[in-house]
């Protein structure tokens, strides 16, 4: 069981309005998301970005979004889950500004 599956099990009684997942070179999590989030209708808005890195150079990578997988999006819609682009849900912060507030 990986950390993501542990998170899903520990939060199984929690409804999440917006969930962003950035899977950076890890396991395929889509089946786990379908089983633990989609089928249980635990999320209203969902965005998943999967980043895969070149095996020889980590500076070379490719981002894939759930938003672009038309058949997957339709499947989530059957469970009243709205799939959005990752960039539409992510909140970017200015770390320097946050440090000034501390």
N, C-alpha and C. Protein backbone atom coordinates (compact mmCIF):
# COMPACT_ATOMS: atom_id res chain seq x y z
N UNK A 1 0.85 -1.17 0.00
CA UNK A 1 0.00 0.00 0.00
C UNK A 1 0.90 1.24 0.00
N UNK A 2 0.64 2.16 -0.94
CA UNK A 2 1.46 3.37 -1.01
C UNK A 2 0.83 4.51 -0.20
N UNK A 3 1.54 5.62 -0.11
CA UNK A 3 1.08 6.76 0.69
C UNK A 3 -0.27 7.30 0.22
N UNK A 4 -0.49 7.29 -1.08
CA UNK A 4 -1.75 7.81 -1.62
C UNK A 4 -2.92 6.94 -1.18
N UNK A 5 -2.75 5.63 -1.24
CA UNK A 5 -3.81 4.73 -0.79
C UNK A 5 -4.08 4.89 0.71
N UNK A 6 -3.04 5.10 1.49
CA UNK A 6 -3.21 5.34 2.93
C UNK A 6 -4.00 6.62 3.15
N UNK A 7 -3.67 7.67 2.40
CA UNK A 7 -4.41 8.93 2.50
C UNK A 7 -5.89 8.70 2.20
N UNK A 8 -6.19 7.96 1.14
CA UNK A 8 -7.58 7.72 0.76
C UNK A 8 -8.32 6.93 1.83
N UNK A 9 -7.67 5.94 2.40
CA UNK A 9 -8.32 5.15 3.45
C UNK A 9 -8.54 5.98 4.71
N UNK A 10 -7.57 6.82 5.07
CA UNK A 10 -7.69 7.64 6.28
C UNK A 10 -8.71 8.76 6.13
N UNK A 11 -9.03 9.13 4.91
CA UNK A 11 -9.98 10.22 4.69
C UNK A 11 -11.29 9.72 4.07
N UNK A 12 -11.58 8.45 4.22
CA UNK A 12 -12.73 7.87 3.52
C UNK A 12 -14.08 8.44 3.95
N UNK A 13 -14.17 9.05 5.11
CA UNK A 13 -15.43 9.64 5.55
C UNK A 13 -15.47 11.15 5.34
N UNK A 14 -14.56 11.66 4.52
CA UNK A 14 -14.45 13.09 4.28
C UNK A 14 -14.84 13.41 2.85
N UNK A 15 -15.74 14.40 2.68
CA UNK A 15 -16.06 14.89 1.34
C UNK A 15 -15.11 16.04 1.03
N UNK A 16 -14.52 16.00 -0.14
CA UNK A 16 -13.54 17.01 -0.55
C UNK A 16 -14.14 17.80 -1.71
N UNK A 17 -14.25 19.11 -1.54
CA UNK A 17 -14.84 19.94 -2.59
C UNK A 17 -13.93 19.99 -3.83
N UNK A 18 -12.65 20.31 -3.62
CA UNK A 18 -11.70 20.40 -4.73
C UNK A 18 -10.47 19.57 -4.38
N UNK A 19 -10.13 18.63 -5.26
CA UNK A 19 -8.96 17.79 -5.04
C UNK A 19 -8.05 17.88 -6.24
N UNK A 20 -6.81 18.28 -5.99
CA UNK A 20 -5.78 18.34 -7.03
C UNK A 20 -4.74 17.29 -6.71
N UNK A 21 -4.37 16.53 -7.72
CA UNK A 21 -3.35 15.51 -7.54
C UNK A 21 -2.29 15.73 -8.61
N UNK A 22 -1.05 15.89 -8.17
CA UNK A 22 0.07 15.99 -9.09
C UNK A 22 0.94 14.77 -8.86
N UNK A 23 0.77 13.77 -9.69
CA UNK A 23 1.49 12.51 -9.57
C UNK A 23 2.79 12.62 -10.36
N UNK A 24 3.88 12.80 -9.64
CA UNK A 24 5.17 13.06 -10.28
C UNK A 24 6.00 11.79 -10.38
N UNK A 25 5.82 11.09 -11.50
CA UNK A 25 6.65 9.92 -11.77
C UNK A 25 6.36 8.72 -10.89
N UNK A 26 5.21 8.72 -10.27
CA UNK A 26 4.88 7.61 -9.38
C UNK A 26 4.04 6.55 -10.06
N UNK A 27 3.32 5.83 -9.25
CA UNK A 27 2.46 4.76 -9.73
C UNK A 27 1.27 5.31 -10.50
N UNK A 28 0.66 4.44 -11.29
CA UNK A 28 -0.59 4.79 -11.96
C UNK A 28 -1.67 4.83 -10.89
N UNK A 29 -2.25 5.99 -10.66
CA UNK A 29 -3.20 6.16 -9.56
C UNK A 29 -4.65 6.21 -10.02
N UNK A 30 -4.89 6.19 -11.32
CA UNK A 30 -6.25 6.38 -11.81
C UNK A 30 -7.20 5.30 -11.31
N UNK A 31 -6.78 4.06 -11.31
CA UNK A 31 -7.67 2.99 -10.83
C UNK A 31 -7.98 3.16 -9.35
N UNK A 32 -7.01 3.60 -8.59
CA UNK A 32 -7.20 3.85 -7.16
C UNK A 32 -8.17 5.02 -6.94
N UNK A 33 -8.05 6.06 -7.76
CA UNK A 33 -8.95 7.21 -7.68
C UNK A 33 -10.37 6.79 -8.02
N UNK A 34 -10.52 5.97 -9.05
CA UNK A 34 -11.86 5.52 -9.44
C UNK A 34 -12.51 4.71 -8.32
N UNK A 35 -11.76 3.82 -7.73
CA UNK A 35 -12.31 2.94 -6.69
C UNK A 35 -12.64 3.70 -5.41
N UNK A 36 -11.75 4.60 -4.98
CA UNK A 36 -11.89 5.23 -3.67
C UNK A 36 -12.52 6.62 -3.69
N UNK A 37 -12.56 7.26 -4.84
CA UNK A 37 -13.11 8.62 -4.91
C UNK A 37 -14.32 8.67 -5.82
N UNK A 38 -14.17 8.19 -7.05
CA UNK A 38 -15.26 8.30 -8.02
C UNK A 38 -16.47 7.49 -7.59
N UNK A 39 -16.29 6.21 -7.32
CA UNK A 39 -17.42 5.34 -7.02
C UNK A 39 -18.11 5.71 -5.71
N UNK A 40 -17.38 6.37 -4.83
CA UNK A 40 -17.97 6.77 -3.54
C UNK A 40 -18.41 8.23 -3.54
N UNK A 41 -18.25 8.89 -4.69
CA UNK A 41 -18.66 10.29 -4.87
C UNK A 41 -18.14 11.19 -3.76
N UNK A 42 -16.83 11.15 -3.54
CA UNK A 42 -16.22 11.87 -2.43
C UNK A 42 -15.67 13.24 -2.81
N UNK A 43 -15.77 13.61 -4.09
CA UNK A 43 -15.18 14.86 -4.56
C UNK A 43 -16.15 15.54 -5.51
N UNK A 44 -16.15 16.88 -5.47
CA UNK A 44 -16.97 17.63 -6.43
C UNK A 44 -16.14 18.01 -7.66
N UNK A 45 -14.95 18.59 -7.43
CA UNK A 45 -14.06 19.00 -8.51
C UNK A 45 -12.75 18.23 -8.38
N UNK A 46 -12.26 17.70 -9.50
CA UNK A 46 -11.05 16.89 -9.49
C UNK A 46 -10.15 17.28 -10.64
N UNK A 47 -8.86 17.39 -10.35
CA UNK A 47 -7.85 17.62 -11.38
C UNK A 47 -6.66 16.72 -11.08
N UNK A 48 -6.22 16.00 -12.09
CA UNK A 48 -5.06 15.12 -11.93
C UNK A 48 -4.07 15.42 -13.04
N UNK A 49 -2.84 15.68 -12.63
CA UNK A 49 -1.74 15.84 -13.58
C UNK A 49 -0.72 14.75 -13.28
N UNK A 50 -0.33 14.06 -14.31
CA UNK A 50 0.69 13.03 -14.15
C UNK A 50 1.94 13.47 -14.90
N UNK A 51 3.04 13.56 -14.18
CA UNK A 51 4.30 13.99 -14.77
C UNK A 51 5.22 12.78 -14.89
N UNK A 52 5.66 12.50 -16.10
CA UNK A 52 6.62 11.42 -16.31
C UNK A 52 7.94 12.02 -16.76
N UNK A 53 9.01 11.50 -16.18
CA UNK A 53 10.34 12.02 -16.46
C UNK A 53 11.11 11.08 -17.38
N UNK A 54 11.97 11.66 -18.18
CA UNK A 54 12.86 10.88 -19.03
C UNK A 54 13.78 10.06 -18.13
N UNK A 55 13.99 8.81 -18.47
CA UNK A 55 14.79 7.95 -17.59
C UNK A 55 16.27 8.36 -17.53
N UNK A 56 16.72 9.16 -18.50
CA UNK A 56 18.13 9.57 -18.51
C UNK A 56 18.34 11.02 -18.07
N UNK A 57 17.30 11.83 -18.15
CA UNK A 57 17.45 13.25 -17.83
C UNK A 57 16.16 13.75 -17.17
N UNK A 58 16.22 14.03 -15.87
CA UNK A 58 15.03 14.48 -15.15
C UNK A 58 14.57 15.87 -15.56
N UNK A 59 15.40 16.59 -16.31
CA UNK A 59 14.98 17.90 -16.81
C UNK A 59 14.04 17.77 -18.00
N UNK A 60 13.92 16.57 -18.53
CA UNK A 60 13.00 16.31 -19.64
C UNK A 60 11.81 15.56 -19.08
N UNK A 61 10.64 16.14 -19.22
CA UNK A 61 9.44 15.52 -18.65
C UNK A 61 8.23 15.81 -19.53
N UNK A 62 7.17 15.07 -19.26
CA UNK A 62 5.91 15.26 -19.99
C UNK A 62 4.77 15.26 -18.98
N UNK A 63 3.89 16.26 -19.09
CA UNK A 63 2.71 16.34 -18.24
C UNK A 63 1.50 15.83 -19.01
N UNK A 64 0.70 15.00 -18.36
CA UNK A 64 -0.55 14.52 -18.93
C UNK A 64 -1.65 14.83 -17.93
N UNK A 65 -2.78 15.32 -18.45
CA UNK A 65 -3.88 15.68 -17.56
C UNK A 65 -5.10 14.80 -17.80
N UNK A 66 -5.77 14.47 -16.71
CA UNK A 66 -7.01 13.72 -16.79
C UNK A 66 -8.03 14.49 -17.63
N UNK A 67 -8.01 15.80 -17.53
CA UNK A 67 -8.93 16.68 -18.25
C UNK A 67 -8.94 16.40 -19.76
N UNK A 68 -7.82 15.95 -20.29
CA UNK A 68 -7.69 15.73 -21.73
C UNK A 68 -8.12 14.33 -22.18
N UNK A 69 -8.42 13.46 -21.24
CA UNK A 69 -8.84 12.09 -21.57
C UNK A 69 -10.36 12.03 -21.62
N UNK A 70 -10.90 12.22 -22.79
CA UNK A 70 -12.34 12.41 -22.98
C UNK A 70 -13.19 11.28 -22.39
N UNK A 71 -12.82 10.04 -22.64
CA UNK A 71 -13.61 8.92 -22.12
C UNK A 71 -13.58 8.85 -20.60
N UNK A 72 -12.43 9.16 -20.02
CA UNK A 72 -12.31 9.16 -18.56
C UNK A 72 -13.16 10.28 -17.95
N UNK A 73 -13.13 11.44 -18.57
CA UNK A 73 -13.93 12.58 -18.09
C UNK A 73 -15.41 12.21 -18.09
N UNK A 74 -15.86 11.58 -19.15
CA UNK A 74 -17.28 11.17 -19.24
C UNK A 74 -17.63 10.18 -18.14
N UNK A 75 -16.72 9.27 -17.84
CA UNK A 75 -16.97 8.30 -16.78
C UNK A 75 -17.12 8.98 -15.42
N UNK A 76 -16.27 9.95 -15.13
CA UNK A 76 -16.37 10.68 -13.87
C UNK A 76 -17.65 11.50 -13.81
N UNK A 77 -18.08 12.04 -14.95
CA UNK A 77 -19.31 12.83 -14.99
C UNK A 77 -20.53 11.99 -14.61
N UNK A 78 -20.48 10.69 -14.88
CA UNK A 78 -21.58 9.81 -14.49
C UNK A 78 -21.77 9.77 -12.97
N UNK A 79 -20.72 10.12 -12.25
CA UNK A 79 -20.76 10.15 -10.78
C UNK A 79 -20.83 11.58 -10.25
N UNK A 80 -21.20 12.52 -11.11
CA UNK A 80 -21.34 13.94 -10.75
C UNK A 80 -20.04 14.56 -10.25
N UNK A 81 -18.93 14.11 -10.80
CA UNK A 81 -17.63 14.69 -10.48
C UNK A 81 -17.18 15.50 -11.68
N UNK A 82 -16.83 16.75 -11.43
CA UNK A 82 -16.42 17.66 -12.49
C UNK A 82 -14.90 17.63 -12.61
N UNK A 83 -14.43 17.22 -13.77
CA UNK A 83 -12.99 17.19 -14.03
C UNK A 83 -12.58 18.53 -14.61
N UNK A 84 -11.55 19.12 -14.02
CA UNK A 84 -11.07 20.42 -14.49
C UNK A 84 -9.59 20.35 -14.80
N UNK A 85 -9.13 21.37 -15.51
CA UNK A 85 -7.70 21.47 -15.77
C UNK A 85 -6.97 21.75 -14.46
N UNK A 86 -5.81 21.16 -14.33
CA UNK A 86 -5.02 21.33 -13.11
C UNK A 86 -4.76 22.81 -12.84
N UNK A 87 -4.40 23.55 -13.88
CA UNK A 87 -4.07 24.97 -13.70
C UNK A 87 -5.28 25.80 -13.27
N UNK A 88 -6.49 25.31 -13.50
CA UNK A 88 -7.69 26.04 -13.07
C UNK A 88 -7.95 25.91 -11.57
N UNK A 89 -7.44 24.85 -10.96
CA UNK A 89 -7.69 24.63 -9.53
C UNK A 89 -6.49 24.94 -8.64
N UNK A 90 -5.30 24.92 -9.21
CA UNK A 90 -4.11 25.13 -8.39
C UNK A 90 -4.04 26.58 -7.92
N UNK A 91 -3.53 26.76 -6.71
CA UNK A 91 -3.34 28.10 -6.15
C UNK A 91 -1.84 28.34 -6.06
N UNK A 92 -1.36 29.29 -6.82
CA UNK A 92 0.06 29.62 -6.80
C UNK A 92 0.30 30.67 -5.72
N UNK A 93 1.38 30.50 -4.99
CA UNK A 93 1.70 31.45 -3.94
C UNK A 93 3.06 32.06 -4.17
N UNK A 94 3.24 33.22 -3.61
CA UNK A 94 4.53 33.90 -3.65
C UNK A 94 5.20 33.62 -2.30
N UNK A 95 6.16 32.72 -2.29
CA UNK A 95 6.81 32.30 -1.04
C UNK A 95 7.45 33.49 -0.33
N UNK A 96 8.04 34.40 -1.06
CA UNK A 96 8.67 35.57 -0.44
C UNK A 96 7.62 36.39 0.31
N UNK A 97 6.44 36.54 -0.27
CA UNK A 97 5.37 37.28 0.37
C UNK A 97 4.91 36.56 1.64
N UNK A 98 4.78 35.26 1.58
CA UNK A 98 4.35 34.49 2.74
C UNK A 98 5.38 34.60 3.86
N UNK A 99 6.65 34.55 3.53
CA UNK A 99 7.70 34.66 4.55
C UNK A 99 7.66 36.04 5.22
N UNK A 100 7.33 37.09 4.47
CA UNK A 100 7.22 38.42 5.05
C UNK A 100 6.10 38.48 6.08
N UNK A 101 5.04 37.73 5.85
CA UNK A 101 3.91 37.72 6.77
C UNK A 101 4.25 37.02 8.08
N UNK A 102 5.20 36.11 8.04
CA UNK A 102 5.57 35.38 9.26
C UNK A 102 6.29 36.31 10.17
